[in-house]
Amino acid sequence: MSSFDSERPPSDPSYTRWQAAIARYFRFGYYKTNFRTEILAGITTFMTMGYILVVNPIILSNAIFLQTSGDLFAQLAVATAIAAAIGTFCMGMFANYPFGLAPGMGTNAFFAFSVVIGLKIDWRLALSCVFVQGIIFIILTFTDVRRLLITAIPVSLKHATAGGIGLFIAYIGLSGDVAAGGAGLIVANDATKTAFGTFAQPNTLLAAIGLLITGALVVRRIRGALLLGILITAGLAWIFGVAPMPTELFAFPELPKDIVGHAIGGLSRLNGQNFIDWLAVLFVFLFVDIFDTIGTLTGVGMRAGYIGADGELPRANRALMADAVATTVGPLVGTSSVTTYVESVAGVIEGGRTGFTAIVIAALFAIALFFIPLFKAIPAFATTPTLVIVGAMMLVEVREIHWDDMAETISAFLTVFMIPLTYSIAEGLAIGFITYPILKTFQGKAREVPIATWIIASIFIARFVFMTLRFGRG
């Protein structure tokens, strides 16, 4: 009997025997949820992270194309969908969490531009690096190291991470490049770094209108408000010709025959000349993915109410193992490392609480294999309203920080502030981890800092030194 199978099926007489079995397995009764809520949450999360089906192939094909003779966009799109579907299914089925997984933004850019183009490492060898990273993740999860890292995060930093993720995803939604289909509400500026965009841009105007409409639906407590916001904004874009309507809805996927399996074969390209660079890249992938995942699970877990006063995430090792398996599968099918997505909080806000939400997300990624032209037609700025409102809801977590304790205030503030501005959960968490024990020491409370926190802070410092010396940056 499954460890999830700890309560009787819901008493809803409309459930069939199969529905009752599913509800019992995913503990619908315990989480006070139902099929309608979980399905809606799954669709909402998928719609907020579905952009990866287009963005990831664009980023990776830019690099791989330079070392091959053909355009692999279609194959990379299929690989992205397969990796996301498998990883998310594992998360839902074995960890019972409503989290979506897909190739990570940031790590895919590092893979393409820093590793393949910058260091001129063969893309097959780079995939092998990601594959080895996944194997190491699996070993670390078996040894309980990754779960212990979650418990080592001070409570104030857990709440700060949740708030920082809120600002991060709102920033992602607001700052998208108009030329690439983004909202452009926040744009780059040489004088002030960033500035407000212009409503002369149709994308920006429609994103703002969509934000007001979605906000109105949310405050009126309309079920499915976040999903409706995406669909309404996309619909307006199509009606007014701001974004092209899909020319076709259905297309048979092109199997990734040219990129599958190279993660293992790529190891044969390892030699004395590229070994040091390969190790350096492996270290970076390991570090960023570990703490991105931990930060995401912590932040979204806090918002969903999974993490209690003991700081523990129930079934943490199952969630981390699902993430590790997904990270290993990703390069095998031909894409960069897979990670848990912060956009999962959109489904949590809609009420998704169990792994059935993740099963729905996984199913939609599998179905998307045949409808990539349709999803490609949904403009990026259509997700802006949902990302901004979800960000606002996540920011609520900062009220739990002990603001009257300046050591915790400063470290928590830096965490919240640095996550969006460095465009990295791992970097923001690093700053918080380093400042927390140091400030507690100056406060005369060094003994209150767990030894594990000191160890992780030291690792972060060593990582900054290594990155500075190896890549010329922090």
Protein backbone atom coordinates (compact mmCIF):
# COMPACT_ATOMS: atom_id res chain seq x y z
CA MET A 1 0.00 0.00 0.00
CA SER A 2 1.26 3.46 -0.90
CA SER A 3 2.38 5.77 1.88
CA PHE A 4 -0.06 8.27 0.42
CA ASP A 5 -2.93 5.84 0.90
CA SER A 6 -3.63 6.84 4.47
CA GLU A 7 -7.25 7.83 4.41
CA ARG A 8 -10.57 6.67 3.10
CA PRO A 9 -11.78 7.74 -0.34
CA PRO A 10 -13.84 10.95 -0.48
CA SER A 11 -17.53 10.34 0.12
CA ASP A 12 -18.56 12.07 -3.12
CA PRO A 13 -21.09 9.57 -4.55
CA SER A 14 -20.41 10.80 -8.09
CA TYR A 15 -16.90 9.32 -8.03
CA THR A 16 -16.41 6.14 -9.98
CA ARG A 17 -14.27 3.38 -8.52
CA TRP A 18 -11.27 4.63 -10.50
CA GLN A 19 -11.83 8.23 -9.44
CA ALA A 20 -12.08 7.17 -5.82
CA ALA A 21 -8.84 5.20 -6.12
CA ILE A 22 -7.05 8.19 -7.66
CA ALA A 23 -8.43 10.54 -5.01
CA ARG A 24 -7.27 8.16 -2.28
CA TYR A 25 -3.77 7.77 -3.75
CA PHE A 26 -3.22 11.51 -4.02
CA ARG A 27 -4.90 12.17 -0.65
CA PHE A 28 -7.61 14.51 -1.91
CA GLY A 29 -9.38 14.21 1.43
CA TYR A 30 -6.35 15.26 3.45
CA TYR A 31 -5.61 18.25 1.23
CA LYS A 32 -9.31 19.19 0.90
CA THR A 33 -9.20 19.26 -2.87
CA ASN A 34 -11.04 17.69 -5.80
CA PHE A 35 -10.59 16.82 -9.46
CA ARG A 36 -11.90 20.15 -10.75
CA THR A 37 -9.48 22.17 -8.62
CA GLU A 38 -6.48 19.97 -9.42
CA ILE A 39 -7.16 19.96 -13.16
CA LEU A 40 -7.63 23.73 -13.24
CA ALA A 41 -4.41 24.20 -11.27
CA GLY A 42 -2.54 21.92 -13.66
CA ILE A 43 -3.77 23.79 -16.73
CA THR A 44 -2.87 27.13 -15.12
CA THR A 45 0.68 26.04 -14.27
CA PHE A 46 1.18 24.59 -17.73
CA MET A 47 0.04 27.80 -19.38
CA THR A 48 2.49 29.87 -17.31
CA MET A 49 5.47 27.60 -18.04
CA GLY A 50 4.47 26.44 -21.54
CA TYR A 51 6.66 29.15 -23.04
CA ILE A 52 9.62 26.83 -22.47
CA LEU A 53 8.44 24.71 -25.42
CA VAL A 54 9.46 27.58 -27.71
CA VAL A 55 12.11 29.46 -25.74
CA ASN A 56 14.31 26.47 -24.85
CA PRO A 57 14.63 25.23 -28.46
CA ILE A 58 15.47 28.77 -29.61
CA ILE A 59 18.24 29.13 -27.03
CA LEU A 60 19.76 25.69 -27.53
CA SER A 61 19.46 25.67 -31.32
CA ASN A 62 21.43 28.93 -31.49
CA ALA A 63 24.42 27.09 -30.04
CA ILE A 64 24.00 23.63 -31.52
CA PHE A 65 23.39 25.04 -35.02
CA LEU A 66 26.93 26.43 -35.02
CA GLN A 67 28.33 22.92 -34.63
CA THR A 68 25.89 21.07 -36.90
CA SER A 69 24.64 21.46 -40.45
CA GLY A 70 20.91 21.58 -39.76
CA ASP A 71 18.18 23.40 -37.84
CA LEU A 72 17.23 21.28 -34.84
CA PHE A 73 14.48 23.55 -33.45
CA ALA A 74 11.65 21.05 -34.02
CA GLN A 75 13.60 18.18 -32.47
CA LEU A 76 14.61 20.32 -29.48
CA ALA A 77 10.97 21.31 -28.94
CA VAL A 78 10.00 17.65 -28.79
CA ALA A 79 12.92 16.87 -26.47
CA THR A 80 11.82 19.72 -24.20
CA ALA A 81 8.26 18.41 -24.03
CA ILE A 82 9.38 14.83 -23.36
CA ALA A 83 11.81 15.84 -20.59
CA ALA A 84 9.20 18.10 -18.97
CA ALA A 85 6.49 15.43 -19.16
CA ILE A 86 8.67 12.70 -17.62
CA GLY A 87 10.06 14.92 -14.87
CA THR A 88 6.68 16.36 -13.91
CA PHE A 89 5.06 12.92 -13.95
CA CYS A 90 7.71 11.62 -11.54
CA MET A 91 7.12 14.60 -9.24
CA GLY A 92 3.38 14.03 -9.15
CA MET A 93 3.32 10.25 -9.00
CA PHE A 94 6.11 9.61 -6.52
CA ALA A 95 6.34 12.82 -4.45
CA ASN A 96 2.67 13.89 -4.60
CA TYR A 97 3.49 17.55 -5.15
CA PRO A 98 1.83 19.91 -7.69
CA PHE A 99 5.13 21.07 -9.14
CA GLY A 100 5.97 21.29 -12.82
CA LEU A 101 9.45 20.52 -14.14
CA ALA A 102 11.11 21.49 -17.41
CA PRO A 103 14.51 22.50 -18.79
CA GLY A 104 15.59 25.43 -16.65
CA MET A 105 15.82 28.99 -17.86
CA GLY A 106 19.25 30.35 -17.05
CA THR A 107 20.98 26.98 -17.12
CA ASN A 108 19.95 26.56 -20.77
CA ALA A 109 21.45 29.98 -21.57
CA PHE A 110 24.64 29.08 -19.67
CA PHE A 111 24.75 25.79 -21.58
CA ALA A 112 24.37 27.49 -24.96
CA PHE A 113 26.24 30.76 -24.70
CA SER A 114 28.88 30.19 -22.01
CA VAL A 115 29.69 26.51 -22.49
CA VAL A 116 29.09 25.67 -26.17
CA ILE A 117 29.74 29.08 -27.75
CA GLY A 118 32.02 30.69 -25.13
CA LEU A 119 34.24 27.77 -24.11
CA LYS A 120 33.75 26.05 -27.49
CA ILE A 121 32.93 22.75 -25.81
CA ASP A 122 31.23 20.31 -28.16
CA TRP A 123 27.48 20.27 -27.46
CA ARG A 124 27.52 16.50 -27.06
CA LEU A 125 30.22 16.78 -24.40
CA ALA A 126 28.20 19.54 -22.72
CA LEU A 127 25.17 17.20 -22.61
CA SER A 128 27.37 14.54 -21.00
CA CYS A 129 28.24 17.07 -18.30
CA VAL A 130 24.55 17.59 -17.52
CA PHE A 131 24.00 13.82 -17.50
CA VAL A 132 26.80 13.25 -14.98
CA GLN A 133 25.37 16.06 -12.89
CA GLY A 134 22.05 14.21 -12.79
CA ILE A 135 23.75 11.01 -11.63
CA ILE A 136 25.49 12.96 -8.86
CA PHE A 137 22.11 14.44 -7.88
CA ILE A 138 20.65 10.95 -7.54
CA ILE A 139 23.56 9.87 -5.33
CA LEU A 140 23.28 13.00 -3.16
CA THR A 141 19.55 12.39 -2.73
CA PHE A 142 20.12 8.78 -1.67
CA THR A 143 22.63 10.01 0.90
CA ASP A 144 20.09 12.54 2.22
CA VAL A 145 22.42 15.49 1.58
CA ARG A 146 19.98 17.52 -0.51
CA ARG A 147 17.15 17.16 2.04
CA LEU A 148 19.47 18.28 4.83
CA LEU A 149 20.28 21.39 2.80
CA ILE A 150 16.59 22.36 2.93
CA THR A 151 16.46 22.01 6.71
CA ALA A 152 19.68 24.03 7.02
CA ILE A 153 18.02 27.15 5.60
CA PRO A 154 17.08 29.51 8.47
CA VAL A 155 13.33 30.14 8.80
CA SER A 156 13.66 33.82 7.93
CA LEU A 157 15.53 32.94 4.74
CA LYS A 158 12.84 30.41 3.81
CA HIS A 159 10.23 33.16 3.93
CA ALA A 160 12.60 35.57 2.19
CA THR A 161 13.18 33.05 -0.59
CA ALA A 162 9.43 32.74 -1.14
CA GLY A 163 9.11 36.53 -1.30
CA GLY A 164 12.13 36.82 -3.58
CA ILE A 165 10.67 34.23 -5.94
CA GLY A 166 7.50 36.31 -6.02
CA LEU A 167 9.42 39.39 -7.15
CA PHE A 168 11.45 37.25 -9.54
CA ILE A 169 8.52 35.82 -11.47
CA ALA A 170 6.80 39.21 -11.54
CA TYR A 171 10.01 40.72 -12.92
CA ILE A 172 10.17 37.97 -15.56
CA GLY A 173 6.64 38.83 -16.64
CA LEU A 174 7.13 42.61 -16.68
CA SER A 175 10.55 42.79 -18.33
CA GLY A 176 10.16 40.58 -21.38
CA ASP A 177 11.67 41.96 -24.58
CA VAL A 178 8.96 43.38 -26.86
CA ALA A 179 10.82 42.20 -29.97
CA ALA A 180 10.63 38.64 -28.61
CA GLY A 181 6.95 38.92 -27.70
CA GLY A 182 7.46 40.13 -24.13
CA ALA A 183 5.45 42.77 -22.28
CA GLY A 184 8.12 45.48 -22.13
CA LEU A 185 6.60 47.15 -19.07
CA ILE A 186 10.15 47.27 -17.70
CA VAL A 187 12.89 47.99 -20.23
CA ALA A 188 16.66 48.44 -20.17
CA ASN A 189 17.93 52.01 -19.88
CA ASP A 190 21.54 53.17 -20.20
CA ALA A 191 21.11 55.98 -17.68
CA THR A 192 18.97 54.31 -15.01
CA LYS A 193 19.61 50.59 -15.73
CA THR A 194 15.86 49.98 -16.08
CA ALA A 195 12.87 52.19 -16.83
CA PHE A 196 9.16 52.03 -17.54
CA GLY A 197 8.27 51.00 -21.07
CA THR A 198 5.88 52.80 -23.39
CA PHE A 199 2.24 52.15 -24.16
CA ALA A 200 3.05 53.01 -27.76
CA GLN A 201 4.10 49.36 -27.89
CA PRO A 202 0.96 47.22 -28.42
CA ASN A 203 2.48 44.39 -26.36
CA THR A 204 2.90 46.70 -23.38
CA LEU A 205 -0.59 48.15 -23.66
CA LEU A 206 -2.27 44.74 -23.93
CA ALA A 207 -0.18 43.33 -21.09
CA ALA A 208 -1.34 46.21 -18.86
CA ILE A 209 -4.98 45.74 -19.92
CA GLY A 210 -4.66 42.00 -19.29
CA LEU A 211 -3.21 42.71 -15.85
CA LEU A 212 -6.21 44.88 -14.93
CA ILE A 213 -8.68 42.29 -16.25
CA THR A 214 -6.95 39.42 -14.45
CA GLY A 215 -6.71 41.48 -11.26
CA ALA A 216 -10.44 42.18 -11.44
CA LEU A 217 -11.17 38.46 -11.85
CA VAL A 218 -8.93 37.62 -8.89
CA VAL A 219 -10.45 40.16 -6.49
CA ARG A 220 -13.92 38.96 -7.50
CA ARG A 221 -12.73 35.44 -6.60
CA ILE A 222 -13.54 33.99 -10.02
CA ARG A 223 -12.35 30.40 -10.24
CA GLY A 224 -9.68 29.98 -12.87
CA ALA A 225 -8.94 33.71 -12.91
CA LEU A 226 -5.25 33.24 -13.66
CA LEU A 227 -5.87 30.90 -16.59
CA LEU A 228 -8.65 33.14 -17.92
CA GLY A 229 -6.26 36.08 -17.75
CA ILE A 230 -3.80 34.31 -20.05
CA LEU A 231 -6.50 33.28 -22.53
CA ILE A 232 -8.16 36.72 -22.60
CA THR A 233 -4.86 38.52 -23.13
CA ALA A 234 -3.84 36.13 -25.90
CA GLY A 235 -7.29 36.46 -27.49
CA LEU A 236 -7.03 40.26 -27.51
CA ALA A 237 -3.59 40.00 -29.10
CA TRP A 238 -4.95 37.82 -31.89
CA ILE A 239 -8.07 39.95 -32.44
CA PHE A 240 -6.13 43.21 -32.76
CA GLY A 241 -3.34 41.68 -34.80
CA VAL A 242 -0.66 42.30 -32.19
CA ALA A 243 0.34 38.64 -32.37
CA PRO A 244 -0.31 36.34 -35.32
CA MET A 245 -3.07 33.82 -34.90
CA PRO A 246 -1.98 30.19 -35.19
CA THR A 247 -1.91 29.14 -38.83
CA GLU A 248 -2.28 25.51 -37.81
CA LEU A 249 -3.29 23.80 -34.62
CA PHE A 250 -1.88 20.33 -35.11
CA ALA A 251 1.43 18.96 -36.34
CA PHE A 252 3.09 15.58 -35.97
CA PRO A 253 6.22 15.90 -33.82
CA GLU A 254 9.64 15.40 -35.33
CA LEU A 255 11.40 12.77 -33.26
CA PRO A 256 14.71 14.05 -31.80
CA LYS A 257 16.73 11.41 -33.64
CA ASP A 258 19.76 13.68 -34.08
CA ILE A 259 20.13 14.60 -30.41
CA VAL A 260 18.97 11.55 -28.42
CA GLY A 261 21.70 9.52 -26.74
CA HIS A 262 24.58 11.95 -27.27
CA ALA A 263 24.81 12.65 -23.53
CA ILE A 264 26.45 9.26 -23.04
CA GLY A 265 28.38 9.14 -26.30
CA GLY A 266 29.65 12.66 -25.63
CA LEU A 267 31.87 11.37 -22.81
CA SER A 268 34.14 9.85 -25.47
CA ARG A 269 35.04 13.42 -26.50
CA LEU A 270 36.55 14.14 -23.09
CA ASN A 271 40.34 14.60 -23.26
CA GLY A 272 43.24 16.28 -21.52
CA GLN A 273 42.64 19.61 -23.26
CA ASN A 274 39.00 20.03 -22.29
CA PHE A 275 38.90 18.11 -18.99
CA ILE A 276 39.44 21.15 -16.72
CA ASP A 277 36.78 23.18 -18.50
CA TRP A 278 34.42 20.18 -18.34
CA LEU A 279 34.95 19.90 -14.57
CA ALA A 280 34.39 23.64 -14.11
CA VAL A 281 31.14 23.48 -16.06
CA LEU A 282 30.03 20.43 -14.07
CA PHE A 283 30.64 22.34 -10.82
CA VAL A 284 28.60 25.31 -12.03
CA PHE A 285 25.70 23.13 -13.17
CA LEU A 286 25.74 21.24 -9.86
CA PHE A 287 25.79 24.34 -7.72
CA VAL A 288 23.15 26.34 -9.57
CA ASP A 289 20.73 23.44 -10.00
CA ILE A 290 20.99 22.25 -6.41
CA PHE A 291 20.20 25.61 -4.90
CA ASP A 292 17.72 26.67 -7.57
CA THR A 293 15.73 23.52 -6.85
CA ILE A 294 16.04 23.86 -3.09
CA GLY A 295 15.05 27.52 -3.28
CA THR A 296 12.05 26.74 -5.47
CA LEU A 297 10.84 23.82 -3.33
CA THR A 298 11.25 25.94 -0.21
CA GLY A 299 9.57 29.04 -1.59
CA VAL A 300 6.63 27.31 -3.23
CA GLY A 301 6.39 24.87 -0.30
CA MET A 302 6.08 27.78 2.12
CA ARG A 303 3.33 29.37 0.02
CA ALA A 304 1.41 26.09 -0.21
CA GLY A 305 1.69 25.45 3.52
CA TYR A 306 3.73 22.26 3.23
CA ILE A 307 6.58 23.44 5.44
CA GLY A 308 5.73 23.60 9.13
CA ALA A 309 7.41 25.08 12.18
CA ASP A 310 10.10 22.37 12.07
CA GLY A 311 11.29 23.70 8.71
CA GLU A 312 10.90 20.27 7.10
CA LEU A 313 9.39 19.69 3.66
CA PRO A 314 7.43 16.42 3.87
CA ARG A 315 8.57 13.83 1.34
CA ALA A 316 11.51 16.10 0.49
CA ASN A 317 13.68 13.24 -0.73
CA ARG A 318 10.95 12.04 -3.07
CA ALA A 319 10.64 15.52 -4.57
CA LEU A 320 14.40 15.84 -4.87
CA MET A 321 14.67 12.38 -6.42
CA ALA A 322 12.04 13.28 -9.01
CA ASP A 323 14.06 16.39 -9.80
CA ALA A 324 17.28 14.35 -10.01
CA VAL A 325 15.73 11.77 -12.34
CA ALA A 326 14.39 14.58 -14.55
CA THR A 327 17.84 16.19 -14.64
CA THR A 328 19.28 12.87 -15.83
CA VAL A 329 16.57 12.25 -18.42
CA GLY A 330 16.86 15.74 -19.94
CA PRO A 331 20.30 15.31 -21.56
CA LEU A 332 19.46 11.75 -22.61
CA VAL A 333 16.69 13.07 -24.87
CA GLY A 334 18.84 16.02 -25.95
CA THR A 335 18.16 19.03 -23.76
CA SER A 336 19.85 20.89 -20.92
CA SER A 337 19.16 20.17 -17.27
CA VAL A 338 15.57 19.93 -16.01
CA THR A 339 14.50 21.63 -12.80
CA THR A 340 11.43 22.45 -10.71
CA TYR A 341 9.72 25.59 -11.98
CA VAL A 342 8.85 28.62 -9.87
CA GLU A 343 5.78 29.07 -12.09
CA SER A 344 4.35 26.05 -10.24
CA VAL A 345 3.12 28.53 -7.66
CA ALA A 346 0.47 29.67 -10.18
CA GLY A 347 -1.24 26.30 -9.82
CA VAL A 348 -0.79 26.40 -6.04
CA ILE A 349 -2.55 29.76 -5.95
CA GLU A 350 -5.42 28.19 -7.92
CA GLY A 351 -5.75 25.54 -5.21
CA GLY A 352 -3.59 22.70 -6.55
CA ARG A 353 -2.22 20.74 -3.61
CA THR A 354 -1.49 17.21 -4.78
CA GLY A 355 0.52 15.34 -7.34
CA PHE A 356 -2.55 15.02 -9.54
CA THR A 357 -1.95 18.64 -10.55
CA ALA A 358 1.51 17.58 -11.73
CA ILE A 359 0.02 14.62 -13.62
CA VAL A 360 -2.23 17.07 -15.48
CA ILE A 361 0.80 19.27 -16.29
CA ALA A 362 2.74 16.23 -17.52
CA ALA A 363 -0.22 15.13 -19.68
CA LEU A 364 -0.45 18.60 -21.21
CA PHE A 365 3.25 18.56 -22.06
CA ALA A 366 2.74 15.18 -23.75
CA ILE A 367 -0.29 16.48 -25.66
CA ALA A 368 1.64 19.62 -26.57
CA LEU A 369 3.93 17.43 -28.68
CA PHE A 370 1.15 17.52 -31.29
CA PHE A 371 0.08 21.15 -30.76
CA ILE A 372 3.36 23.06 -30.68
CA PRO A 373 2.15 25.45 -33.45
CA LEU A 374 -0.77 26.49 -31.21
CA PHE A 375 1.31 27.08 -28.10
CA LYS A 376 3.91 28.90 -30.16
CA ALA A 377 1.17 31.36 -31.17
CA ILE A 378 0.42 32.39 -27.56
CA PRO A 379 2.53 35.53 -27.07
CA ALA A 380 4.84 35.70 -24.07
CA PHE A 381 3.17 38.85 -22.76
CA ALA A 382 -0.10 36.94 -22.35
CA THR A 383 1.40 35.32 -19.25
CA THR A 384 2.45 38.66 -17.74
CA PRO A 385 -0.81 39.27 -15.80
CA THR A 386 -0.65 35.84 -14.16
CA LEU A 387 3.05 36.09 -13.31
CA VAL A 388 2.64 39.54 -11.73
CA ILE A 389 -0.38 38.57 -9.63
CA VAL A 390 1.23 35.31 -8.51
CA GLY A 391 4.30 37.34 -7.57
CA ALA A 392 2.18 39.62 -5.42
CA MET A 393 0.65 36.62 -3.68
CA MET A 394 4.09 35.12 -3.03
CA LEU A 395 5.36 38.35 -1.50
CA VAL A 396 2.92 37.88 1.36
CA GLU A 397 5.42 35.42 2.87
CA VAL A 398 7.78 38.23 3.94
CA ARG A 399 5.39 39.21 6.74
CA GLU A 400 6.60 36.13 8.63
CA ILE A 401 10.20 37.42 8.76
CA HIS A 402 11.37 38.71 12.15
CA TRP A 403 11.76 42.31 11.05
CA ASP A 404 12.59 43.45 14.59
CA ASP A 405 15.83 41.42 14.47
CA MET A 406 18.25 43.40 12.29
CA ALA A 407 20.51 40.44 11.56
CA GLU A 408 17.57 38.56 10.10
CA THR A 409 16.16 41.70 8.49
CA ILE A 410 19.35 42.48 6.56
CA SER A 411 20.02 38.91 5.40
CA ALA A 412 16.36 38.38 4.47
CA PHE A 413 16.18 41.70 2.62
CA LEU A 414 19.30 40.90 0.62
CA THR A 415 17.83 37.53 -0.31
CA VAL A 416 14.54 39.06 -1.45
CA PHE A 417 16.33 41.87 -3.29
CA MET A 418 19.04 39.85 -5.00
CA ILE A 419 16.93 36.99 -6.37
CA PRO A 420 15.17 39.10 -9.02
CA LEU A 421 18.06 41.48 -9.69
CA THR A 422 20.61 38.71 -10.27
CA TYR A 423 17.97 36.71 -12.15
CA SER A 424 18.86 33.69 -10.03
CA ILE A 425 17.34 32.03 -6.98
CA ALA A 426 20.70 30.43 -6.21
CA GLU A 427 22.57 33.75 -6.20
CA GLY A 428 20.04 35.44 -3.93
CA LEU A 429 20.07 32.51 -1.54
CA ALA A 430 23.87 32.57 -1.56
CA ILE A 431 23.97 36.20 -0.41
CA GLY A 432 21.46 35.48 2.34
CA PHE A 433 23.35 32.39 3.50
CA ILE A 434 26.65 34.25 3.70
CA THR A 435 25.34 37.33 5.52
CA TYR A 436 23.09 35.47 8.00
CA PRO A 437 25.74 33.68 10.12
CA ILE A 438 28.18 36.59 9.91
CA LEU A 439 25.63 39.12 11.17
CA LYS A 440 24.43 36.69 13.84
CA THR A 441 28.03 36.43 15.04
CA PHE A 442 28.42 40.20 15.31
CA GLN A 443 25.12 40.18 17.16
CA GLY A 444 26.61 37.83 19.72
CA LYS A 445 24.39 34.94 18.70
CA ALA A 446 26.84 32.74 16.82
CA ARG A 447 25.79 29.70 18.85
CA GLU A 448 22.25 30.02 17.50
CA VAL A 449 23.51 29.35 13.97
CA PRO A 450 23.47 25.63 13.11
CA ILE A 451 26.76 24.15 11.96
CA ALA A 452 25.13 23.13 8.68
CA THR A 453 24.38 26.81 7.94
CA TRP A 454 28.03 27.69 8.51
CA ILE A 455 29.14 24.88 6.20
CA ILE A 456 26.81 25.97 3.40
CA ALA A 457 27.86 29.61 3.82
CA SER A 458 31.48 28.51 3.43
CA ILE A 459 30.61 26.56 0.29
CA PHE A 460 28.92 29.64 -1.17
CA ILE A 461 31.99 31.75 -0.44
CA ALA A 462 34.25 29.14 -2.04
CA ARG A 463 31.96 29.06 -5.04
CA PHE A 464 32.18 32.86 -5.49
CA VAL A 465 35.98 32.64 -5.33
CA PHE A 466 36.03 29.78 -7.84
CA MET A 467 33.64 31.52 -10.27
CA THR A 468 35.64 34.74 -10.09
CA LEU A 469 38.92 32.99 -10.81
CA ARG A 470 37.57 30.64 -13.48
CA PHE A 471 34.97 32.71 -15.31
CA GLY A 472 35.91 36.24 -14.24
CA ARG A 473 32.66 36.83 -12.37
CA GLY A 474 31.01 36.10 -9.01
